[in-house]
Amino acid sequence: MRRFITGFGLLACSLGVYAQTPGVPLDAPAQGEAEGEAEGDPSLPQIQRRHYELSARANPYAISPHRPNYLLPASYSNRTHGQVFGVTDATLNHFEVKFQLSFKVAAWENVLSTQTDLYFAYTGRSFWQAYNSQVSSPFRDTNHEPELFLASHANWTLGPVRDLNLRLGFSHQSNGQPLPLSRSWNRVYVGANGRWRHFFVDLVLWQRLPEDPKTGPDDPEGDDNPGIEHTVGRGEMTVAWVVDDKTINLNWRNNLQRRNKGALTAAFTFPLNRRLKGYLEVFSGYGETLIDYNRSNERIGLGIALSDWP
């Protein structure tokens, strides 16, 4: 655990994170912003991203990323939990493949003539025991998360914070497994993001929708993961800062309780070519995967990213 905390510190001190839109210089002034006002500031990623997303909507072969899309073929976890599968921990490999696919679609633009869009989004995150041929290389867990949310694109200014936008949404997350491996929960959330100088900050708070307790282990209607909000958390904050096309994303989840639990993720990206980025990710905490929502874990992975934050 100490090694991973030390790694977080070194990673956080070396660089910072923000997702730059490919092909747009960092010092380029955005639409509606004066040249002198933009000088010394990074580009306006929210405005640029919306510009590209609007262009992509006219292209039937293009989709817009929602969260980061990446593939980590080299991913090492220091803990493997086999008990939930009825096997020993040693049956599962510490090395596995982790990947995430995430996209969104604008279902209704400028809702009721406001600067607000209604989106449908989907994020799938998989943990694949690809190198574990002894048990036929199974997928250890795959988490599906469809969302429906309203997001503003007004880019307000509040004091030193610029390009401030809000969103309100509903999220369902499930691993699509039968009992007793089934995990799922529903949330409503409110979020805000904006930038201050070279920093981008995104803050999300959510409330879990209550479920009745199970009447027994075979009850398909009851709560699959009681107390998940106490380990996975009740909100998260993402901080980002870009330096010469190299980025770090710091994401912190917390349960906002005295018995403090949650997770910290640090991701470093660096350009490989115009389309691909190298991707290094370090994770420590709870809730990386639904199957282990109440167990802590540390992981480090290396691979490629197709899209970055925000």
C-alpha atoms as a PDB file:
ATOM      1  CA  MET A   1       0.000   0.000   0.000  1.00  0.00           C
ATOM      2  CA  ARG A   2       2.847   2.379   0.878  1.00  0.00           C
ATOM      3  CA  ARG A   3       4.420   1.838  -2.552  1.00  0.00           C
ATOM      4  CA  PHE A   4       1.204   2.846  -4.277  1.00  0.00           C
ATOM      5  CA  ILE A   5       0.740   5.955  -2.098  1.00  0.00           C
ATOM      6  CA  THR A   6       4.329   6.961  -2.878  1.00  0.00           C
ATOM      7  CA  GLY A   7       3.648   6.406  -6.569  1.00  0.00           C
ATOM      8  CA  PHE A   8       0.587   8.643  -6.378  1.00  0.00           C
ATOM      9  CA  GLY A   9       2.648  11.392  -4.807  1.00  0.00           C
ATOM     10  CA  LEU A  10       5.381  11.256  -7.434  1.00  0.00           C
ATOM     11  CA  LEU A  11       2.845  11.133 -10.232  1.00  0.00           C
ATOM     12  CA  ALA A  12       0.821  14.032  -8.856  1.00  0.00           C
ATOM     13  CA  CYS A  13       3.909  16.211  -8.340  1.00  0.00           C
ATOM     14  CA  SER A  14       5.405  15.586 -11.769  1.00  0.00           C
ATOM     15  CA  LEU A  15       2.611  16.810 -14.044  1.00  0.00           C
ATOM     16  CA  GLY A  16      -1.117  17.596 -14.135  1.00  0.00           C
ATOM     17  CA  VAL A  17      -4.016  16.695 -16.376  1.00  0.00           C
ATOM     18  CA  TYR A  18      -6.486  17.928 -18.861  1.00  0.00           C
ATOM     19  CA  ALA A  19      -7.724  16.398 -22.061  1.00  0.00           C
ATOM     20  CA  GLN A  20      -6.648  18.415 -25.092  1.00  0.00           C
ATOM     21  CA  THR A  21      -8.634  18.158 -28.281  1.00  0.00           C
ATOM     22  CA  PRO A  22      -6.268  16.769 -30.973  1.00  0.00           C
ATOM     23  CA  GLY A  23      -5.012  19.300 -33.472  1.00  0.00           C
ATOM     24  CA  VAL A  24      -5.942  22.432 -31.474  1.00  0.00           C
ATOM     25  CA  PRO A  25      -3.029  24.475 -30.081  1.00  0.00           C
ATOM     26  CA  LEU A  26      -3.170  25.219 -26.387  1.00  0.00           C
ATOM     27  CA  ASP A  27      -2.835  28.970 -26.853  1.00  0.00           C
ATOM     28  CA  ALA A  28      -5.580  29.260 -29.471  1.00  0.00           C
ATOM     29  CA  PRO A  29      -8.277  31.796 -28.450  1.00  0.00           C
ATOM     30  CA  ALA A  30     -11.798  30.399 -28.367  1.00  0.00           C
ATOM     31  CA  GLN A  31     -14.882  31.754 -30.040  1.00  0.00           C
ATOM     32  CA  GLY A  32     -16.212  34.731 -28.108  1.00  0.00           C
ATOM     33  CA  GLU A  33     -12.927  35.335 -26.253  1.00  0.00           C
ATOM     34  CA  ALA A  34     -10.549  38.169 -27.055  1.00  0.00           C
ATOM     35  CA  GLU A  35      -6.986  37.425 -28.110  1.00  0.00           C
ATOM     36  CA  GLY A  36      -5.519  39.243 -25.134  1.00  0.00           C
ATOM     37  CA  GLU A  37      -7.871  37.507 -22.724  1.00  0.00           C
ATOM     38  CA  ALA A  38      -6.774  34.073 -23.899  1.00  0.00           C
ATOM     39  CA  GLU A  39      -3.060  34.885 -23.870  1.00  0.00           C
ATOM     40  CA  GLY A  40      -1.233  32.807 -21.284  1.00  0.00           C
ATOM     41  CA  ASP A  41      -4.243  30.565 -20.686  1.00  0.00           C
ATOM     42  CA  PRO A  42      -4.820  27.085 -22.094  1.00  0.00           C
ATOM     43  CA  SER A  43      -7.343  26.668 -24.853  1.00  0.00           C
ATOM     44  CA  LEU A  44     -10.976  26.371 -23.878  1.00  0.00           C
ATOM     45  CA  PRO A  45     -11.479  22.601 -24.052  1.00  0.00           C
ATOM     46  CA  GLN A  46     -15.197  22.699 -23.281  1.00  0.00           C
ATOM     47  CA  ILE A  47     -15.887  25.070 -26.187  1.00  0.00           C
ATOM     48  CA  GLN A  48     -13.545  23.219 -28.542  1.00  0.00           C
ATOM     49  CA  ARG A  49     -14.914  19.853 -27.539  1.00  0.00           C
ATOM     50  CA  ARG A  50     -18.489  20.997 -28.172  1.00  0.00           C
ATOM     51  CA  HIS A  51     -17.423  22.346 -31.584  1.00  0.00           C
ATOM     52  CA  TYR A  52     -15.992  18.964 -32.561  1.00  0.00           C
ATOM     53  CA  GLU A  53     -18.979  17.115 -31.115  1.00  0.00           C
ATOM     54  CA  LEU A  54     -21.376  19.263 -33.152  1.00  0.00           C
ATOM     55  CA  SER A  55     -19.317  18.474 -36.256  1.00  0.00           C
ATOM     56  CA  ALA A  56     -19.353  14.761 -35.398  1.00  0.00           C
ATOM     57  CA  ARG A  57     -23.153  14.731 -35.101  1.00  0.00           C
ATOM     58  CA  ALA A  58     -23.389  15.362 -38.827  1.00  0.00           C
ATOM     59  CA  ASN A  59     -21.096  12.393 -39.493  1.00  0.00           C
ATOM     60  CA  PRO A  60     -22.946   9.041 -39.258  1.00  0.00           C
ATOM     61  CA  TYR A  61     -19.593   7.238 -38.797  1.00  0.00           C
ATOM     62  CA  ALA A  62     -18.476   9.252 -35.759  1.00  0.00           C
ATOM     63  CA  ILE A  63     -19.390   9.002 -32.079  1.00  0.00           C
ATOM     64  CA  SER A  64     -18.446  11.296 -29.186  1.00  0.00           C
ATOM     65  CA  PRO A  65     -16.467  10.015 -26.199  1.00  0.00           C
ATOM     66  CA  HIS A  66     -18.026  10.431 -22.761  1.00  0.00           C
ATOM     67  CA  ARG A  67     -15.335   9.246 -20.352  1.00  0.00           C
ATOM     68  CA  PRO A  68     -11.797   8.114 -21.209  1.00  0.00           C
ATOM     69  CA  ASN A  69     -11.484   5.232 -23.675  1.00  0.00           C
ATOM     70  CA  TYR A  70      -8.419   3.090 -23.049  1.00  0.00           C
ATOM     71  CA  LEU A  71      -6.847  -0.367 -23.178  1.00  0.00           C
ATOM     72  CA  LEU A  72      -4.395  -1.589 -20.532  1.00  0.00           C
ATOM     73  CA  PRO A  73      -2.911  -4.901 -21.738  1.00  0.00           C
ATOM     74  CA  ALA A  74      -0.380  -4.764 -18.882  1.00  0.00           C
ATOM     75  CA  SER A  75      -2.324  -4.334 -15.646  1.00  0.00           C
ATOM     76  CA  TYR A  76      -1.159  -5.625 -12.260  1.00  0.00           C
ATOM     77  CA  SER A  77      -3.354  -5.856  -9.145  1.00  0.00           C
ATOM     78  CA  ASN A  78      -1.753  -6.605  -5.797  1.00  0.00           C
ATOM     79  CA  ARG A  79      -4.938  -8.264  -4.494  1.00  0.00           C
ATOM     80  CA  THR A  80      -7.152 -10.849  -6.155  1.00  0.00           C
ATOM     81  CA  HIS A  81     -10.390 -11.859  -4.470  1.00  0.00           C
ATOM     82  CA  GLY A  82     -11.512 -15.332  -5.483  1.00  0.00           C
ATOM     83  CA  GLN A  83     -13.909 -16.009  -2.617  1.00  0.00           C
ATOM     84  CA  VAL A  84     -16.885 -14.436  -4.388  1.00  0.00           C
ATOM     85  CA  PHE A  85     -16.359 -16.909  -7.269  1.00  0.00           C
ATOM     86  CA  GLY A  86     -15.951 -19.869  -4.934  1.00  0.00           C
ATOM     87  CA  VAL A  87     -12.228 -20.258  -5.711  1.00  0.00           C
ATOM     88  CA  THR A  88      -9.004 -19.428  -3.893  1.00  0.00           C
ATOM     89  CA  ASP A  89      -7.305 -16.096  -4.466  1.00  0.00           C
ATOM     90  CA  ALA A  90      -4.380 -17.951  -6.037  1.00  0.00           C
ATOM     91  CA  THR A  91      -6.682 -19.165  -8.840  1.00  0.00           C
ATOM     92  CA  LEU A  92      -6.882 -15.620 -10.216  1.00  0.00           C
ATOM     93  CA  ASN A  93      -3.902 -13.943 -11.856  1.00  0.00           C
ATOM     94  CA  HIS A  94      -2.507 -10.665 -10.577  1.00  0.00           C
ATOM     95  CA  PHE A  95      -1.906  -9.675 -14.211  1.00  0.00           C
ATOM     96  CA  GLU A  96      -4.977  -9.057 -16.344  1.00  0.00           C
ATOM     97  CA  VAL A  97      -6.275  -6.794 -19.124  1.00  0.00           C
ATOM     98  CA  LYS A  98      -8.398  -3.783 -18.213  1.00  0.00           C
ATOM     99  CA  PHE A  99     -10.227  -1.668 -20.777  1.00  0.00           C
ATOM    100  CA  GLN A 100     -12.972   0.930 -20.915  1.00  0.00           C
ATOM    101  CA  LEU A 101     -15.291   2.023 -23.734  1.00  0.00           C
ATOM    102  CA  SER A 102     -17.420   5.127 -23.226  1.00  0.00           C
ATOM    103  CA  PHE A 103     -19.556   7.228 -25.564  1.00  0.00           C
ATOM    104  CA  LYS A 104     -22.474   9.642 -25.527  1.00  0.00           C
ATOM    105  CA  VAL A 105     -25.208  10.718 -27.940  1.00  0.00           C
ATOM    106  CA  ALA A 106     -27.164  13.971 -27.864  1.00  0.00           C
ATOM    107  CA  ALA A 107     -30.814  12.917 -27.777  1.00  0.00           C
ATOM    108  CA  TRP A 108     -32.196  16.493 -27.643  1.00  0.00           C
ATOM    109  CA  GLU A 109     -30.181  19.609 -28.424  1.00  0.00           C
ATOM    110  CA  ASN A 110     -30.977  23.019 -26.884  1.00  0.00           C
ATOM    111  CA  VAL A 111     -33.800  21.656 -24.742  1.00  0.00           C
ATOM    112  CA  LEU A 112     -36.759  24.055 -24.731  1.00  0.00           C
ATOM    113  CA  SER A 113     -34.577  26.670 -26.496  1.00  0.00           C
ATOM    114  CA  THR A 114     -32.059  26.750 -23.637  1.00  0.00           C
ATOM    115  CA  GLN A 115     -28.297  26.234 -23.687  1.00  0.00           C
ATOM    116  CA  THR A 116     -28.825  22.692 -22.429  1.00  0.00           C
ATOM    117  CA  ASP A 117     -28.582  19.316 -24.175  1.00  0.00           C
ATOM    118  CA  LEU A 118     -30.067  15.972 -23.168  1.00  0.00           C
ATOM    119  CA  TYR A 119     -27.596  13.096 -23.533  1.00  0.00           C
ATOM    120  CA  PHE A 120     -27.665   9.331 -23.422  1.00  0.00           C
ATOM    121  CA  ALA A 121     -24.303   7.834 -22.461  1.00  0.00           C
ATOM    122  CA  TYR A 122     -22.832   4.399 -21.933  1.00  0.00           C
ATOM    123  CA  THR A 123     -19.626   3.294 -20.213  1.00  0.00           C
ATOM    124  CA  GLY A 124     -18.374  -0.293 -20.111  1.00  0.00           C
ATOM    125  CA  ARG A 125     -15.359  -1.279 -18.027  1.00  0.00           C
ATOM    126  CA  SER A 126     -13.958  -4.830 -18.214  1.00  0.00           C
ATOM    127  CA  PHE A 127     -11.413  -6.860 -16.257  1.00  0.00           C
ATOM    128  CA  TRP A 128     -10.202  -9.782 -18.349  1.00  0.00           C
ATOM    129  CA  GLN A 129      -8.063 -12.638 -17.015  1.00  0.00           C
ATOM    130  CA  ALA A 130      -6.544 -12.946 -20.478  1.00  0.00           C
ATOM    131  CA  TYR A 131      -3.305 -14.550 -19.262  1.00  0.00           C
ATOM    132  CA  ASN A 132      -5.035 -17.098 -17.018  1.00  0.00           C
ATOM    133  CA  SER A 133      -5.283 -20.078 -19.370  1.00  0.00           C
ATOM    134  CA  GLN A 134      -5.713 -22.497 -16.447  1.00  0.00           C
ATOM    135  CA  VAL A 135      -9.319 -21.307 -16.012  1.00  0.00           C
ATOM    136  CA  SER A 136      -9.969 -20.544 -19.724  1.00  0.00           C
ATOM    137  CA  SER A 137      -9.145 -16.794 -19.533  1.00  0.00           C
ATOM    138  CA  PRO A 138     -12.535 -15.532 -18.260  1.00  0.00           C
ATOM    139  CA  PHE A 139     -13.749 -11.977 -17.868  1.00  0.00           C
ATOM    140  CA  ARG A 140     -13.577 -11.484 -14.102  1.00  0.00           C
ATOM    141  CA  ASP A 141     -16.105  -8.655 -14.213  1.00  0.00           C
ATOM    142  CA  THR A 142     -17.659  -6.221 -16.704  1.00  0.00           C
ATOM    143  CA  ASN A 143     -19.462  -3.147 -15.416  1.00  0.00           C
ATOM    144  CA  HIS A 144     -22.138  -1.546 -17.608  1.00  0.00           C
ATOM    145  CA  GLU A 145     -23.253   2.015 -16.879  1.00  0.00           C
ATOM    146  CA  PRO A 146     -25.947   3.669 -19.007  1.00  0.00           C
ATOM    147  CA  GLU A 147     -26.735   7.288 -18.133  1.00  0.00           C
ATOM    148  CA  LEU A 148     -29.293   9.936 -19.043  1.00  0.00           C
ATOM    149  CA  PHE A 149     -28.339  13.508 -18.211  1.00  0.00           C
ATOM    150  CA  LEU A 150     -28.910  17.178 -18.951  1.00  0.00           C
ATOM    151  CA  ALA A 151     -25.752  19.237 -19.543  1.00  0.00           C
ATOM    152  CA  SER A 152     -25.461  22.976 -20.036  1.00  0.00           C
ATOM    153  CA  HIS A 153     -23.092  24.549 -22.540  1.00  0.00           C
ATOM    154  CA  ALA A 154     -23.459  28.202 -21.497  1.00  0.00           C
ATOM    155  CA  ASN A 155     -19.837  28.473 -20.255  1.00  0.00           C
ATOM    156  CA  TRP A 156     -20.610  30.863 -17.408  1.00  0.00           C
ATOM    157  CA  THR A 157     -18.026  32.833 -15.450  1.00  0.00           C
ATOM    158  CA  LEU A 158     -18.088  32.832 -11.656  1.00  0.00           C
ATOM    159  CA  GLY A 159     -15.287  34.889 -10.142  1.00  0.00           C
ATOM    160  CA  PRO A 160     -11.983  33.373 -11.278  1.00  0.00           C
ATOM    161  CA  VAL A 161     -13.744  30.226 -12.558  1.00  0.00           C
ATOM    162  CA  ARG A 162     -14.491  30.273 -16.264  1.00  0.00           C
ATOM    163  CA  ASP A 163     -16.389  27.985 -18.653  1.00  0.00           C
ATOM    164  CA  LEU A 164     -18.605  26.817 -15.797  1.00  0.00           C
ATOM    165  CA  ASN A 165     -21.236  24.260 -16.798  1.00  0.00           C
ATOM    166  CA  LEU A 166     -23.739  22.158 -14.860  1.00  0.00           C
ATOM    167  CA  ARG A 167     -25.323  18.770 -15.398  1.00  0.00           C
ATOM    168  CA  LEU A 168     -28.059  16.685 -13.801  1.00  0.00           C
ATOM    169  CA  GLY A 169     -28.482  12.995 -14.487  1.00  0.00           C
ATOM    170  CA  PHE A 170     -29.474   9.426 -13.694  1.00  0.00           C
ATOM    171  CA  SER A 171     -27.054   6.480 -13.719  1.00  0.00           C
ATOM    172  CA  HIS A 172     -27.627   2.720 -13.564  1.00  0.00           C
ATOM    173  CA  GLN A 173     -24.606   0.490 -13.020  1.00  0.00           C
ATOM    174  CA  SER A 174     -24.660  -3.300 -13.238  1.00  0.00           C
ATOM    175  CA  ASN A 175     -22.349  -6.196 -13.984  1.00  0.00           C
ATOM    176  CA  GLY A 176     -25.096  -8.184 -15.741  1.00  0.00           C
ATOM    177  CA  GLN A 177     -24.392 -11.362 -13.767  1.00  0.00           C
ATOM    178  CA  PRO A 178     -26.920 -13.852 -12.326  1.00  0.00           C
ATOM    179  CA  LEU A 179     -27.177 -14.464  -8.602  1.00  0.00           C
ATOM    180  CA  PRO A 180     -25.077 -14.681  -6.493  1.00  0.00           C
ATOM    181  CA  LEU A 181     -22.625 -12.605  -8.585  1.00  0.00           C
ATOM    182  CA  SER A 182     -25.176  -9.933  -9.521  1.00  0.00           C
ATOM    183  CA  ARG A 183     -24.264  -6.344  -8.616  1.00  0.00           C
ATOM    184  CA  SER A 184     -26.296  -3.236  -9.499  1.00  0.00           C
ATOM    185  CA  TRP A 185     -27.359   0.150  -8.160  1.00  0.00           C
ATOM    186  CA  ASN A 186     -29.084   3.343  -9.310  1.00  0.00           C
ATOM    187  CA  ARG A 187     -28.074   6.938  -8.659  1.00  0.00           C
ATOM    188  CA  VAL A 188     -29.174  10.485  -9.371  1.00  0.00           C
ATOM    189  CA  TYR A 189     -26.385  13.038  -9.532  1.00  0.00           C
ATOM    190  CA  VAL A 190     -25.565  16.704  -9.973  1.00  0.00           C
ATOM    191  CA  GLY A 191     -22.253  17.910 -11.351  1.00  0.00           C
ATOM    192  CA  ALA A 192     -20.351  21.079 -12.180  1.00  0.00           C
ATOM    193  CA  ASN A 193     -17.143  21.647 -14.105  1.00  0.00           C
ATOM    194  CA  GLY A 194     -15.058  24.656 -14.993  1.00  0.00           C
ATOM    195  CA  ARG A 195     -11.519  25.885 -15.326  1.00  0.00           C
ATOM    196  CA  TRP A 196      -9.276  28.155 -13.346  1.00  0.00           C
ATOM    197  CA  ARG A 197      -6.101  29.205 -15.167  1.00  0.00           C
ATOM    198  CA  HIS A 198      -4.451  25.934 -16.247  1.00  0.00           C
ATOM    199  CA  PHE A 199      -6.626  23.737 -14.043  1.00  0.00           C
ATOM    200  CA  PHE A 200      -9.838  21.947 -14.924  1.00  0.00           C
ATOM    201  CA  VAL A 201     -12.041  20.771 -12.059  1.00  0.00           C
ATOM    202  CA  ASP A 202     -15.105  18.528 -12.214  1.00  0.00           C
ATOM    203  CA  LEU A 203     -17.186  17.874  -9.107  1.00  0.00           C
ATOM    204  CA  VAL A 204     -20.040  15.329  -8.914  1.00  0.00           C
ATOM    205  CA  LEU A 205     -22.280  14.449  -5.968  1.00  0.00           C
ATOM    206  CA  TRP A 206     -24.760  11.582  -6.139  1.00  0.00           C
ATOM    207  CA  GLN A 207     -27.546  10.042  -4.115  1.00  0.00           C
ATOM    208  CA  ARG A 208     -28.209   6.334  -4.283  1.00  0.00           C
ATOM    209  CA  LEU A 209     -31.830   5.360  -4.908  1.00  0.00           C
ATOM    210  CA  PRO A 210     -32.887   3.041  -2.053  1.00  0.00           C
ATOM    211  CA  GLU A 211     -33.583  -0.665  -2.535  1.00  0.00           C
ATOM    212  CA  ASP A 212     -35.293  -3.153  -0.241  1.00  0.00           C
ATOM    213  CA  PRO A 213     -33.082  -5.699   1.555  1.00  0.00           C
ATOM    214  CA  LYS A 214     -33.027  -9.216   0.134  1.00  0.00           C
ATOM    215  CA  THR A 215     -35.405 -11.685   1.737  1.00  0.00           C
ATOM    216  CA  GLY A 216     -32.819 -14.397   1.038  1.00  0.00           C
ATOM    217  CA  PRO A 217     -29.719 -15.120  -1.087  1.00  0.00           C
ATOM    218  CA  ASP A 218     -31.916 -16.157  -4.037  1.00  0.00           C
ATOM    219  CA  ASP A 219     -34.102 -13.025  -3.986  1.00  0.00           C
ATOM    220  CA  PRO A 220     -33.642 -11.323  -7.415  1.00  0.00           C
ATOM    221  CA  GLU A 221     -35.402  -8.110  -6.349  1.00  0.00           C
ATOM    222  CA  GLY A 222     -33.413  -7.134  -3.243  1.00  0.00           C
ATOM    223  CA  ASP A 223     -30.262  -5.073  -2.812  1.00  0.00           C
ATOM    224  CA  ASP A 224     -27.317  -6.829  -4.517  1.00  0.00           C
ATOM    225  CA  ASN A 225     -24.672  -4.697  -2.831  1.00  0.00           C
ATOM    226  CA  PRO A 226     -25.790  -3.276   0.521  1.00  0.00           C
ATOM    227  CA  GLY A 227     -23.722  -0.358   1.738  1.00  0.00           C
ATOM    228  CA  ILE A 228     -22.043   0.307  -1.614  1.00  0.00           C
ATOM    229  CA  GLU A 229     -22.309   4.057  -1.019  1.00  0.00           C
ATOM    230  CA  HIS A 230     -20.143   3.639   2.105  1.00  0.00           C
ATOM    231  CA  THR A 231     -17.238   2.143   0.122  1.00  0.00           C
ATOM    232  CA  VAL A 232     -17.570   3.392  -3.462  1.00  0.00           C
ATOM    233  CA  GLY A 233     -18.480   6.850  -2.184  1.00  0.00           C
ATOM    234  CA  ARG A 234     -21.069   9.595  -2.442  1.00  0.00           C
ATOM    235  CA  GLY A 235     -19.225  11.854  -4.856  1.00  0.00           C
ATOM    236  CA  GLU A 236     -16.032  12.410  -6.787  1.00  0.00           C
ATOM    237  CA  MET A 237     -13.717  15.197  -7.839  1.00  0.00           C
ATOM    238  CA  THR A 238     -11.526  15.235 -10.933  1.00  0.00           C
ATOM    239  CA  VAL A 239      -8.630  17.684 -11.275  1.00  0.00           C
ATOM    240  CA  ALA A 240      -6.783  18.129 -14.543  1.00  0.00           C
ATOM    241  CA  TRP A 241      -3.851  20.123 -15.928  1.00  0.00           C
ATOM    242  CA  VAL A 242      -2.070  19.825 -19.282  1.00  0.00           C
ATOM    243  CA  VAL A 243       1.615  20.431 -19.956  1.00  0.00           C
ATOM    244  CA  ASP A 244       2.966  20.140 -23.518  1.00  0.00           C
ATOM    245  CA  ASP A 245       0.390  17.530 -24.566  1.00  0.00           C
ATOM    246  CA  LYS A 246       1.255  15.403 -21.542  1.00  0.00           C
ATOM    247  CA  THR A 247      -1.543  15.014 -19.045  1.00  0.00           C
ATOM    248  CA  ILE A 248      -2.360  13.633 -15.616  1.00  0.00           C
ATOM    249  CA  ASN A 249      -5.872  13.035 -14.386  1.00  0.00           C
ATOM    250  CA  LEU A 250      -6.449  12.845 -10.635  1.00  0.00           C
ATOM    251  CA  ASN A 251      -9.817  11.419  -9.597  1.00  0.00           C
ATOM    252  CA  TRP A 252     -10.859  11.167  -5.961  1.00  0.00           C
ATOM    253  CA  ARG A 253     -13.986   9.395  -4.709  1.00  0.00           C
ATOM    254  CA  ASN A 254     -15.110   9.658  -1.083  1.00  0.00           C
ATOM    255  CA  ASN A 255     -17.983   8.501   1.117  1.00  0.00           C
ATOM    256  CA  LEU A 256     -18.002  11.812   3.047  1.00  0.00           C
ATOM    257  CA  GLN A 257     -18.177   9.975   6.374  1.00  0.00           C
ATOM    258  CA  ARG A 258     -16.055   9.753   9.507  1.00  0.00           C
ATOM    259  CA  ARG A 259     -15.053   6.178   8.609  1.00  0.00           C
ATOM    260  CA  ASN A 260     -13.424   7.451   5.469  1.00  0.00           C
ATOM    261  CA  LYS A 261     -13.415   5.205   2.405  1.00  0.00           C
ATOM    262  CA  GLY A 262     -13.280   5.782  -1.328  1.00  0.00           C
ATOM    263  CA  ALA A 263     -10.609   5.634  -4.011  1.00  0.00           C
ATOM    264  CA  LEU A 264      -7.895   7.619  -5.749  1.00  0.00           C
ATOM    265  CA  THR A 265      -6.955   7.206  -9.406  1.00  0.00           C
ATOM    266  CA  ALA A 266      -4.041   8.910 -11.153  1.00  0.00           C
ATOM    267  CA  ALA A 267      -3.709   8.618 -14.935  1.00  0.00           C
ATOM    268  CA  PHE A 268      -0.804   9.941 -17.004  1.00  0.00           C
ATOM    269  CA  THR A 269      -1.144  10.260 -20.781  1.00  0.00           C
ATOM    270  CA  PHE A 270       1.476  11.180 -23.352  1.00  0.00           C
ATOM    271  CA  PRO A 271       1.213  11.451 -27.153  1.00  0.00           C
ATOM    272  CA  LEU A 272       2.236   8.516 -29.348  1.00  0.00           C
ATOM    273  CA  ASN A 273       0.846   9.968 -32.562  1.00  0.00           C
ATOM    274  CA  ARG A 274      -2.006  12.245 -33.600  1.00  0.00           C
ATOM    275  CA  ARG A 275      -4.649   9.667 -32.671  1.00  0.00           C
ATOM    276  CA  LEU A 276      -3.187   7.554 -29.859  1.00  0.00           C
ATOM    277  CA  LYS A 277      -1.773   8.353 -26.446  1.00  0.00           C
ATOM    278  CA  GLY A 278       0.244   6.273 -24.064  1.00  0.00           C
ATOM    279  CA  TYR A 279      -1.681   5.693 -20.839  1.00  0.00           C
ATOM    280  CA  LEU A 280      -0.384   4.918 -17.342  1.00  0.00           C
ATOM    281  CA  GLU A 281      -2.941   4.403 -14.566  1.00  0.00           C
ATOM    282  CA  VAL A 282      -2.526   3.883 -10.818  1.00  0.00           C
ATOM    283  CA  PHE A 283      -5.507   3.011  -8.606  1.00  0.00           C
ATOM    284  CA  SER A 284      -5.925   2.573  -4.856  1.00  0.00           C
ATOM    285  CA  GLY A 285      -9.148   2.090  -2.913  1.00  0.00           C
ATOM    286  CA  TYR A 286     -12.641   0.609  -3.191  1.00  0.00           C
ATOM    287  CA  GLY A 287     -15.047   0.121  -6.065  1.00  0.00           C
ATOM    288  CA  GLU A 288     -12.778  -0.307  -9.060  1.00  0.00           C
ATOM    289  CA  THR A 289     -15.101  -3.144 -10.038  1.00  0.00           C
ATOM    290  CA  LEU A 290     -18.613  -3.892  -8.788  1.00  0.00           C
ATOM    291  CA  ILE A 291     -17.827  -7.499  -7.906  1.00  0.00           C
ATOM    292  CA  ASP A 292     -15.333  -6.181  -5.306  1.00  0.00           C
ATOM    293  CA  TYR A 293     -17.267  -3.087  -4.240  1.00  0.00           C
ATOM    294  CA  ASN A 294     -16.563  -3.732  -0.552  1.00  0.00           C
ATOM    295  CA  ARG A 295     -12.912  -4.771  -0.907  1.00  0.00           C
ATOM    296  CA  SER A 296      -9.911  -2.498  -1.355  1.00  0.00           C
ATOM    297  CA  ASN A 297      -7.375  -2.977  -4.102  1.00  0.00           C
ATOM    298  CA  GLU A 298      -4.266  -1.393  -5.611  1.00  0.00           C
ATOM    299  CA  ARG A 299      -3.476  -1.571  -9.323  1.00  0.00           C
ATOM    300  CA  ILE A 300      -1.022  -0.198 -11.858  1.00  0.00           C
ATOM    301  CA  GLY A 301      -1.545  -0.505 -15.612  1.00  0.00           C
ATOM    302  CA  LEU A 302       0.073   0.598 -18.860  1.00  0.00           C
ATOM    303  CA  GLY A 303      -1.476   0.814 -22.312  1.00  0.00           C
ATOM    304  CA  ILE A 304      -3.019   3.220 -24.817  1.00  0.00           C
ATOM    305  CA  ALA A 305      -5.827   5.777 -24.707  1.00  0.00           C
ATOM    306  CA  LEU A 306      -8.117   6.855 -27.539  1.00  0.00           C
ATOM    307  CA  SER A 307      -9.722   9.720 -25.589  1.00  0.00           C
ATOM    308  CA  ASP A 308      -8.962  11.532 -22.382  1.00  0.00           C
ATOM    309  CA  TRP A 309     -10.802  13.707 -19.865  1.00  0.00           C
ATOM    310  CA  PRO A 310     -12.969  15.719 -19.765  1.00  0.00           C
END
